[in-house]
Every structure is written in C-alpha cells, then in structure tokens.
Amino acid sequence: MRGDRRGGFFSAAFFSCLGAALCVFGWQGLTWLTTSTWKPLTVLSALNWLHVRWALSPELHQLLGHTPLALALLGVAGLCFLLYAALN
C-alpha cells in the first residue's frame, strides 16, 4: 500500500507538469500568433516571478536564464514518470 501512495503522487506530479508545460507552450504560441513576436519564458523568469532568491546566484543565473520553462517542465514530468515506473 505504501508503494501505491508514492506511485500516486508521482503520477499526479507527472500529469501536473505535463499540463503545465502544454499551457506554457500554448500561451507562448498564442502570444506569437497575436503579436508576431516570440516571448521566451525561461526557468529564471518563472522563479523571479515566484520571488525565489536562490535563483539569482551567479552560478545558476546563466543556466536558468537559458533553459526554456516548457522543456524544463517536460524534463520534470519525465523524471516523475521514471520514478512512478520504478515504484510500481
């Protein structure tokens, strides 16, 4: 029963991250279609919007500033799927 509970958490996290990635990419696509300019949304911009202070450290700033948010969410979804598969 304990493995089912962990598996359920990672299953929900997988679908949440997948849905969030699709929403981010859909918003970027809709913005591109309406304004003819692509607005890049990176992990750093999302963390700044959430007021996360550790994201401003010089070591991570460049990496997070060049990582697209939708791809990062898809990566987290893939990791959650792998953990779900390992637990079940």
PDB file of N, CA and C in Angstrom:
ATOM      1  N   MET A   1       0.810  -1.186   0.000  1.00  0.00           N
ATOM      2  CA  MET A   1       0.000   0.000   0.000  1.00  0.00           C
ATOM      3  C   MET A   1       0.862   1.262   0.000  1.00  0.00           C
ATOM      4  N   ARG A   2       2.001   1.207   0.648  1.00  0.00           N
ATOM      5  CA  ARG A   2       2.854   2.383   0.699  1.00  0.00           C
ATOM      6  C   ARG A   2       3.406   2.729  -0.686  1.00  0.00           C
ATOM      7  N   GLY A   3       3.730   1.716  -1.490  1.00  0.00           N
ATOM      8  CA  GLY A   3       4.207   1.959  -2.848  1.00  0.00           C
ATOM      9  C   GLY A   3       3.138   2.582  -3.724  1.00  0.00           C
ATOM     10  N   ASP A   4       1.871   2.222  -3.488  1.00  0.00           N
ATOM     11  CA  ASP A   4       0.777   2.803  -4.256  1.00  0.00           C
ATOM     12  C   ASP A   4       0.633   4.290  -3.965  1.00  0.00           C
ATOM     13  N   ARG A   5       0.821   4.670  -2.716  1.00  0.00           N
ATOM     14  CA  ARG A   5       0.698   6.079  -2.360  1.00  0.00           C
ATOM     15  C   ARG A   5       1.809   6.893  -3.026  1.00  0.00           C
ATOM     16  N   ARG A   6       3.023   6.389  -3.011  1.00  0.00           N
ATOM     17  CA  ARG A   6       4.125   7.100  -3.674  1.00  0.00           C
ATOM     18  C   ARG A   6       3.901   7.143  -5.176  1.00  0.00           C
ATOM     19  N   GLY A   7       3.443   6.029  -5.716  1.00  0.00           N
ATOM     20  CA  GLY A   7       3.173   5.991  -7.149  1.00  0.00           C
ATOM     21  C   GLY A   7       2.088   6.979  -7.537  1.00  0.00           C
ATOM     22  N   GLY A   8       1.084   7.123  -6.686  1.00  0.00           N
ATOM     23  CA  GLY A   8       0.019   8.081  -6.964  1.00  0.00           C
ATOM     24  C   GLY A   8       0.519   9.505  -6.959  1.00  0.00           C
ATOM     25  N   PHE A   9       1.425   9.822  -6.049  1.00  0.00           N
ATOM     26  CA  PHE A   9       1.999  11.170  -6.001  1.00  0.00           C
ATOM     27  C   PHE A   9       2.775  11.464  -7.279  1.00  0.00           C
ATOM     28  N   PHE A  10       3.622  10.532  -7.708  1.00  0.00           N
ATOM     29  CA  PHE A  10       4.420  10.768  -8.905  1.00  0.00           C
ATOM     30  C   PHE A  10       3.558  10.763 -10.160  1.00  0.00           C
ATOM     31  N   SER A  11       2.471  10.007 -10.146  1.00  0.00           N
ATOM     32  CA  SER A  11       1.539  10.040 -11.268  1.00  0.00           C
ATOM     33  C   SER A  11       0.869  11.407 -11.367  1.00  0.00           C
ATOM     34  N   ALA A  12       0.423  11.943 -10.236  1.00  0.00           N
ATOM     35  CA  ALA A  12      -0.191  13.275 -10.233  1.00  0.00           C
ATOM     36  C   ALA A  12       0.832  14.346 -10.616  1.00  0.00           C
ATOM     37  N   ALA A  13       2.053  14.215 -10.129  1.00  0.00           N
ATOM     38  CA  ALA A  13       3.099  15.184 -10.467  1.00  0.00           C
ATOM     39  C   ALA A  13       3.415  15.129 -11.962  1.00  0.00           C
ATOM     40  N   PHE A  14       3.408  13.927 -12.535  1.00  0.00           N
ATOM     41  CA  PHE A  14       3.657  13.778 -13.974  1.00  0.00           C
ATOM     42  C   PHE A  14       2.605  14.511 -14.789  1.00  0.00           C
ATOM     43  N   PHE A  15       1.338  14.271 -14.469  1.00  0.00           N
ATOM     44  CA  PHE A  15       0.270  14.914 -15.235  1.00  0.00           C
ATOM     45  C   PHE A  15       0.222  16.421 -14.985  1.00  0.00           C
ATOM     46  N   SER A  16       0.557  16.856 -13.787  1.00  0.00           N
ATOM     47  CA  SER A  16       0.588  18.295 -13.499  1.00  0.00           C
ATOM     48  C   SER A  16       1.686  18.985 -14.299  1.00  0.00           C
ATOM     49  N   CYS A  17       2.873  18.410 -14.309  1.00  0.00           N
ATOM     50  CA  CYS A  17       3.983  19.005 -15.058  1.00  0.00           C
ATOM     51  C   CYS A  17       3.717  18.969 -16.559  1.00  0.00           C
ATOM     52  N   LEU A  18       3.131  17.882 -17.034  1.00  0.00           N
ATOM     53  CA  LEU A  18       2.813  17.786 -18.453  1.00  0.00           C
ATOM     54  C   LEU A  18       1.777  18.830 -18.844  1.00  0.00           C
ATOM     55  N   GLY A  19       0.752  18.992 -18.024  1.00  0.00           N
ATOM     56  CA  GLY A  19      -0.259  20.003 -18.302  1.00  0.00           C
ATOM     57  C   GLY A  19       0.300  21.417 -18.233  1.00  0.00           C
ATOM     58  N   ALA A  20       1.165  21.673 -17.259  1.00  0.00           N
ATOM     59  CA  ALA A  20       1.780  22.998 -17.135  1.00  0.00           C
ATOM     60  C   ALA A  20       2.670  23.290 -18.342  1.00  0.00           C
ATOM     61  N   ALA A  21       3.414  22.301 -18.804  1.00  0.00           N
ATOM     62  CA  ALA A  21       4.273  22.504 -19.978  1.00  0.00           C
ATOM     63  C   ALA A  21       3.433  22.809 -21.214  1.00  0.00           C
ATOM     64  N   LEU A  22       2.329  22.110 -21.375  1.00  0.00           N
ATOM     65  CA  LEU A  22       1.453  22.379 -22.513  1.00  0.00           C
ATOM     66  C   LEU A  22       0.818  23.761 -22.413  1.00  0.00           C
ATOM     67  N   CYS A  23       0.455  24.185 -21.202  1.00  0.00           N
ATOM     68  CA  CYS A  23      -0.115  25.529 -21.012  1.00  0.00           C
ATOM     69  C   CYS A  23       0.914  26.614 -21.322  1.00  0.00           C
ATOM     70  N   VAL A  24       2.152  26.421 -20.871  1.00  0.00           N
ATOM     71  CA  VAL A  24       3.202  27.413 -21.136  1.00  0.00           C
ATOM     72  C   VAL A  24       3.468  27.506 -22.631  1.00  0.00           C
ATOM     73  N   PHE A  25       3.599  26.365 -23.283  1.00  0.00           N
ATOM     74  CA  PHE A  25       3.868  26.382 -24.719  1.00  0.00           C
ATOM     75  C   PHE A  25       2.670  26.935 -25.487  1.00  0.00           C
ATOM     76  N   GLY A  26       1.461  26.617 -25.049  1.00  0.00           N
ATOM     77  CA  GLY A  26       0.265  27.156 -25.690  1.00  0.00           C
ATOM     78  C   GLY A  26       0.169  28.670 -25.543  1.00  0.00           C
ATOM     79  N   TRP A  27       0.511  29.186 -24.339  1.00  0.00           N
ATOM     80  CA  TRP A  27       0.500  30.630 -24.125  1.00  0.00           C
ATOM     81  C   TRP A  27       1.530  31.318 -25.015  1.00  0.00           C
ATOM     82  N   GLN A  28       2.719  30.712 -25.123  1.00  0.00           N
ATOM     83  CA  GLN A  28       3.750  31.295 -25.979  1.00  0.00           C
ATOM     84  C   GLN A  28       3.308  31.278 -27.446  1.00  0.00           C
ATOM     85  N   GLY A  29       2.686  30.182 -27.862  1.00  0.00           N
ATOM     86  CA  GLY A  29       2.201  30.097 -29.244  1.00  0.00           C
ATOM     87  C   GLY A  29       1.091  31.090 -29.529  1.00  0.00           C
ATOM     88  N   LEU A  30       0.169  31.238 -28.592  1.00  0.00           N
ATOM     89  CA  LEU A  30      -0.923  32.203 -28.769  1.00  0.00           C
ATOM     90  C   LEU A  30      -0.392  33.634 -28.801  1.00  0.00           C
ATOM     91  N   THR A  31       0.564  33.931 -27.944  1.00  0.00           N
ATOM     92  CA  THR A  31       1.181  35.260 -27.945  1.00  0.00           C
ATOM     93  C   THR A  31       1.915  35.507 -29.254  1.00  0.00           C
ATOM     94  N   TRP A  32       2.581  34.492 -29.770  1.00  0.00           N
ATOM     95  CA  TRP A  32       3.294  34.626 -31.039  1.00  0.00           C
ATOM     96  C   TRP A  32       2.319  34.869 -32.189  1.00  0.00           C
ATOM     97  N   LEU A  33       1.185  34.169 -32.171  1.00  0.00           N
ATOM     98  CA  LEU A  33       0.209  34.347 -33.243  1.00  0.00           C
ATOM     99  C   LEU A  33      -0.451  35.726 -33.201  1.00  0.00           C
ATOM    100  N   THR A  34      -0.636  36.281 -32.017  1.00  0.00           N
ATOM    101  CA  THR A  34      -1.319  37.567 -31.924  1.00  0.00           C
ATOM    102  C   THR A  34      -0.379  38.763 -32.096  1.00  0.00           C
ATOM    103  N   THR A  35       0.880  38.633 -31.693  1.00  0.00           N
ATOM    104  CA  THR A  35       1.792  39.784 -31.751  1.00  0.00           C
ATOM    105  C   THR A  35       2.940  39.612 -32.736  1.00  0.00           C
ATOM    106  N   SER A  36       3.097  38.454 -33.313  1.00  0.00           N
ATOM    107  CA  SER A  36       4.180  38.133 -34.254  1.00  0.00           C
ATOM    108  C   SER A  36       5.565  38.238 -33.635  1.00  0.00           C
ATOM    109  N   THR A  37       5.650  38.151 -32.298  1.00  0.00           N
ATOM    110  CA  THR A  37       6.955  38.099 -31.630  1.00  0.00           C
ATOM    111  C   THR A  37       6.921  36.959 -30.617  1.00  0.00           C
ATOM    112  N   TRP A  38       7.995  36.198 -30.594  1.00  0.00           N
ATOM    113  CA  TRP A  38       8.099  35.077 -29.661  1.00  0.00           C
ATOM    114  C   TRP A  38       8.625  35.586 -28.329  1.00  0.00           C
ATOM    115  N   LYS A  39       7.858  35.384 -27.275  1.00  0.00           N
ATOM    116  CA  LYS A  39       8.280  35.815 -25.940  1.00  0.00           C
ATOM    117  C   LYS A  39       8.881  34.619 -25.212  1.00  0.00           C
ATOM    118  N   PRO A  40      10.209  34.612 -25.056  1.00  0.00           N
ATOM    119  CA  PRO A  40      10.823  33.475 -24.371  1.00  0.00           C
ATOM    120  C   PRO A  40      10.475  33.486 -22.888  1.00  0.00           C
ATOM    121  N   LEU A  41      10.084  32.341 -22.391  1.00  0.00           N
ATOM    122  CA  LEU A  41       9.779  32.183 -20.978  1.00  0.00           C
ATOM    123  C   LEU A  41      10.743  31.150 -20.432  1.00  0.00           C
ATOM    124  N   THR A  42      11.661  31.600 -19.576  1.00  0.00           N
ATOM    125  CA  THR A  42      12.698  30.716 -19.055  1.00  0.00           C
ATOM    126  C   THR A  42      12.400  30.332 -17.616  1.00  0.00           C
ATOM    127  N   VAL A  43      13.152  29.380 -17.122  1.00  0.00           N
ATOM    128  CA  VAL A  43      13.017  28.954 -15.729  1.00  0.00           C
ATOM    129  C   VAL A  43      13.342  30.123 -14.802  1.00  0.00           C
ATOM    130  N   LEU A  44      14.337  30.920 -15.165  1.00  0.00           N
ATOM    131  CA  LEU A  44      14.724  32.055 -14.335  1.00  0.00           C
ATOM    132  C   LEU A  44      13.601  33.087 -14.227  1.00  0.00           C
ATOM    133  N   SER A  45      12.911  33.356 -15.323  1.00  0.00           N
ATOM    134  CA  SER A  45      11.812  34.327 -15.261  1.00  0.00           C
ATOM    135  C   SER A  45      10.663  33.807 -14.401  1.00  0.00           C
ATOM    136  N   ALA A  46      10.401  32.510 -14.447  1.00  0.00           N
ATOM    137  CA  ALA A  46       9.352  31.943 -13.596  1.00  0.00           C
ATOM    138  C   ALA A  46       9.757  31.976 -12.123  1.00  0.00           C
ATOM    139  N   LEU A  47      11.020  31.679 -11.823  1.00  0.00           N
ATOM    140  CA  LEU A  47      11.483  31.725 -10.436  1.00  0.00           C
ATOM    141  C   LEU A  47      11.541  33.160  -9.907  1.00  0.00           C
ATOM    142  N   ASN A  48      11.880  34.114 -10.766  1.00  0.00           N
ATOM    143  CA  ASN A  48      11.840  35.520 -10.353  1.00  0.00           C
ATOM    144  C   ASN A  48      10.408  35.961 -10.065  1.00  0.00           C
ATOM    145  N   TRP A  49       9.460  35.491 -10.869  1.00  0.00           N
ATOM    146  CA  TRP A  49       8.057  35.821 -10.659  1.00  0.00           C
ATOM    147  C   TRP A  49       7.562  35.257  -9.324  1.00  0.00           C
ATOM    148  N   LEU A  50       8.114  34.097  -8.917  1.00  0.00           N
ATOM    149  CA  LEU A  50       7.758  33.481  -7.640  1.00  0.00           C
ATOM    150  C   LEU A  50       8.587  34.021  -6.475  1.00  0.00           C
ATOM    151  N   HIS A  51       9.472  34.977  -6.739  1.00  0.00           N
ATOM    152  CA  HIS A  51      10.336  35.606  -5.727  1.00  0.00           C
ATOM    153  C   HIS A  51      11.250  34.588  -5.031  1.00  0.00           C
ATOM    154  N   VAL A  52      11.865  33.716  -5.815  1.00  0.00           N
ATOM    155  CA  VAL A  52      12.818  32.743  -5.287  1.00  0.00           C
ATOM    156  C   VAL A  52      14.201  33.389  -5.341  1.00  0.00           C
ATOM    157  N   ARG A  53      14.791  33.604  -4.182  1.00  0.00           N
ATOM    158  CA  ARG A  53      16.048  34.356  -4.092  1.00  0.00           C
ATOM    159  C   ARG A  53      17.275  33.538  -4.522  1.00  0.00           C
ATOM    160  N   TRP A  54      17.286  32.220  -4.276  1.00  0.00           N
ATOM    161  CA  TRP A  54      18.485  31.445  -4.591  1.00  0.00           C
ATOM    162  C   TRP A  54      18.714  31.344  -6.089  1.00  0.00           C
ATOM    163  N   ALA A  55      17.707  31.649  -6.906  1.00  0.00           N
ATOM    164  CA  ALA A  55      17.862  31.578  -8.358  1.00  0.00           C
ATOM    165  C   ALA A  55      18.726  32.711  -8.893  1.00  0.00           C
ATOM    166  N   LEU A  56      18.982  33.708  -8.078  1.00  0.00           N
ATOM    167  CA  LEU A  56      19.776  34.844  -8.532  1.00  0.00           C
ATOM    168  C   LEU A  56      21.266  34.666  -8.300  1.00  0.00           C
ATOM    169  N   SER A  57      21.691  33.525  -7.774  1.00  0.00           N
ATOM    170  CA  SER A  57      23.120  33.306  -7.561  1.00  0.00           C
ATOM    171  C   SER A  57      23.841  33.247  -8.916  1.00  0.00           C
ATOM    172  N   PRO A  58      25.054  33.770  -8.988  1.00  0.00           N
ATOM    173  CA  PRO A  58      25.748  33.854 -10.285  1.00  0.00           C
ATOM    174  C   PRO A  58      25.980  32.503 -10.956  1.00  0.00           C
ATOM    175  N   GLU A  59      26.131  31.432 -10.158  1.00  0.00           N
ATOM    176  CA  GLU A  59      26.407  30.125 -10.747  1.00  0.00           C
ATOM    177  C   GLU A  59      25.203  29.596 -11.526  1.00  0.00           C
ATOM    178  N   LEU A  60      24.019  29.810 -10.987  1.00  0.00           N
ATOM    179  CA  LEU A  60      22.817  29.267 -11.621  1.00  0.00           C
ATOM    180  C   LEU A  60      22.158  30.237 -12.591  1.00  0.00           C
ATOM    181  N   HIS A  61      22.473  31.503 -12.492  1.00  0.00           N
ATOM    182  CA  HIS A  61      21.775  32.530 -13.257  1.00  0.00           C
ATOM    183  C   HIS A  61      21.838  32.268 -14.757  1.00  0.00           C
ATOM    184  N   GLN A  62      22.995  31.967 -15.277  1.00  0.00           N
ATOM    185  CA  GLN A  62      23.140  31.765 -16.711  1.00  0.00           C
ATOM    186  C   GLN A  62      22.450  30.477 -17.172  1.00  0.00           C
ATOM    187  N   LEU A  63      22.578  29.415 -16.388  1.00  0.00           N
ATOM    188  CA  LEU A  63      21.934  28.150 -16.759  1.00  0.00           C
ATOM    189  C   LEU A  63      20.417  28.287 -16.762  1.00  0.00           C
ATOM    190  N   LEU A  64      19.858  28.875 -15.700  1.00  0.00           N
ATOM    191  CA  LEU A  64      18.410  29.028 -15.610  1.00  0.00           C
ATOM    192  C   LEU A  64      17.881  30.064 -16.599  1.00  0.00           C
ATOM    193  N   GLY A  65      18.712  31.012 -16.961  1.00  0.00           N
ATOM    194  CA  GLY A  65      18.301  32.033 -17.916  1.00  0.00           C
ATOM    195  C   GLY A  65      18.226  31.538 -19.341  1.00  0.00           C
ATOM    196  N   HIS A  66      18.871  30.418 -19.637  1.00  0.00           N
ATOM    197  CA  HIS A  66      18.856  29.873 -20.997  1.00  0.00           C
ATOM    198  C   HIS A  66      18.014  28.612 -21.124  1.00  0.00           C
ATOM    199  N   THR A  67      17.404  28.154 -20.047  1.00  0.00           N
ATOM    200  CA  THR A  67      16.591  26.941 -20.083  1.00  0.00           C
ATOM    201  C   THR A  67      15.126  27.306 -20.271  1.00  0.00           C
ATOM    202  N   PRO A  68      14.508  26.887 -21.389  1.00  0.00           N
ATOM    203  CA  PRO A  68      13.089  27.181 -21.588  1.00  0.00           C
ATOM    204  C   PRO A  68      12.224  26.485 -20.534  1.00  0.00           C
ATOM    205  N   LEU A  69      11.216  27.189 -20.053  1.00  0.00           N
ATOM    206  CA  LEU A  69      10.374  26.669 -18.984  1.00  0.00           C
ATOM    207  C   LEU A  69       9.594  25.440 -19.426  1.00  0.00           C
ATOM    208  N   ALA A  70       9.065  25.436 -20.633  1.00  0.00           N
ATOM    209  CA  ALA A  70       8.283  24.296 -21.105  1.00  0.00           C
ATOM    210  C   ALA A  70       9.148  23.030 -21.173  1.00  0.00           C
ATOM    211  N   LEU A  71      10.384  23.153 -21.636  1.00  0.00           N
ATOM    212  CA  LEU A  71      11.262  21.984 -21.709  1.00  0.00           C
ATOM    213  C   LEU A  71      11.669  21.503 -20.320  1.00  0.00           C
ATOM    214  N   ALA A  72      11.872  22.428 -19.408  1.00  0.00           N
ATOM    215  CA  ALA A  72      12.208  22.042 -18.035  1.00  0.00           C
ATOM    216  C   ALA A  72      11.039  21.302 -17.390  1.00  0.00           C
ATOM    217  N   LEU A  73       9.821  21.756 -17.623  1.00  0.00           N
ATOM    218  CA  LEU A  73       8.649  21.071 -17.081  1.00  0.00           C
ATOM    219  C   LEU A  73       8.478  19.688 -17.697  1.00  0.00           C
ATOM    220  N   LEU A  74       8.780  19.558 -18.985  1.00  0.00           N
ATOM    221  CA  LEU A  74       8.728  18.237 -19.617  1.00  0.00           C
ATOM    222  C   LEU A  74       9.793  17.313 -19.034  1.00  0.00           C
ATOM    223  N   GLY A  75      10.954  17.861 -18.706  1.00  0.00           N
ATOM    224  CA  GLY A  75      12.002  17.063 -18.071  1.00  0.00           C
ATOM    225  C   GLY A  75      11.594  16.587 -16.689  1.00  0.00           C
ATOM    226  N   VAL A  76      10.974  17.455 -15.922  1.00  0.00           N
ATOM    227  CA  VAL A  76      10.492  17.064 -14.590  1.00  0.00           C
ATOM    228  C   VAL A  76       9.379  16.023 -14.724  1.00  0.00           C
ATOM    229  N   ALA A  77       8.521  16.175 -15.722  1.00  0.00           N
ATOM    230  CA  ALA A  77       7.462  15.184 -15.954  1.00  0.00           C
ATOM    231  C   ALA A  77       8.075  13.823 -16.306  1.00  0.00           C
ATOM    232  N   GLY A  78       9.118  13.821 -17.125  1.00  0.00           N
ATOM    233  CA  GLY A  78       9.784  12.568 -17.465  1.00  0.00           C
ATOM    234  C   GLY A  78      10.425  11.915 -16.257  1.00  0.00           C
ATOM    235  N   LEU A  79      11.023  12.716 -15.393  1.00  0.00           N
ATOM    236  CA  LEU A  79      11.620  12.197 -14.163  1.00  0.00           C
ATOM    237  C   LEU A  79      10.546  11.601 -13.242  1.00  0.00           C
ATOM    238  N   CYS A  80       9.418  12.279 -13.129  1.00  0.00           N
ATOM    239  CA  CYS A  80       8.310  11.755 -12.313  1.00  0.00           C
ATOM    240  C   CYS A  80       7.787  10.448 -12.895  1.00  0.00           C
ATOM    241  N   PHE A  81       7.724  10.346 -14.224  1.00  0.00           N
ATOM    242  CA  PHE A  81       7.276   9.105 -14.844  1.00  0.00           C
ATOM    243  C   PHE A  81       8.234   7.957 -14.550  1.00  0.00           C
ATOM    244  N   LEU A  82       9.531   8.248 -14.610  1.00  0.00           N
ATOM    245  CA  LEU A  82      10.521   7.209 -14.319  1.00  0.00           C
ATOM    246  C   LEU A  82      10.440   6.757 -12.856  1.00  0.00           C
ATOM    247  N   LEU A  83      10.239   7.690 -11.945  1.00  0.00           N
ATOM    248  CA  LEU A  83      10.094   7.325 -10.536  1.00  0.00           C
ATOM    249  C   LEU A  83       8.813   6.537 -10.295  1.00  0.00           C
ATOM    250  N   TYR A  84       7.756   6.907 -10.971  1.00  0.00           N
ATOM    251  CA  TYR A  84       6.493   6.161 -10.875  1.00  0.00           C
ATOM    252  C   TYR A  84       6.690   4.726 -11.377  1.00  0.00           C
ATOM    253  N   ALA A  85       7.386   4.573 -12.502  1.00  0.00           N
ATOM    254  CA  ALA A  85       7.623   3.245 -13.043  1.00  0.00           C
ATOM    255  C   ALA A  85       8.523   2.417 -12.127  1.00  0.00           C
ATOM    256  N   ALA A  86       9.478   3.071 -11.467  1.00  0.00           N
ATOM    257  CA  ALA A  86      10.387   2.344 -10.585  1.00  0.00           C
ATOM    258  C   ALA A  86       9.666   1.879  -9.314  1.00  0.00           C
ATOM    259  N   LEU A  87       8.688   2.639  -8.857  1.00  0.00           N
ATOM    260  CA  LEU A  87       7.977   2.270  -7.632  1.00  0.00           C
ATOM    261  C   LEU A  87       6.891   1.219  -7.855  1.00  0.00           C
ATOM    262  N   ASN A  88       6.413   1.108  -9.081  1.00  0.00           N
ATOM    263  CA  ASN A  88       5.329   0.129  -9.344  1.00  0.00           C
ATOM    264  C   ASN A  88       5.821  -1.043 -10.134  1.00  0.00           C
TER     265      ASN A  88
END
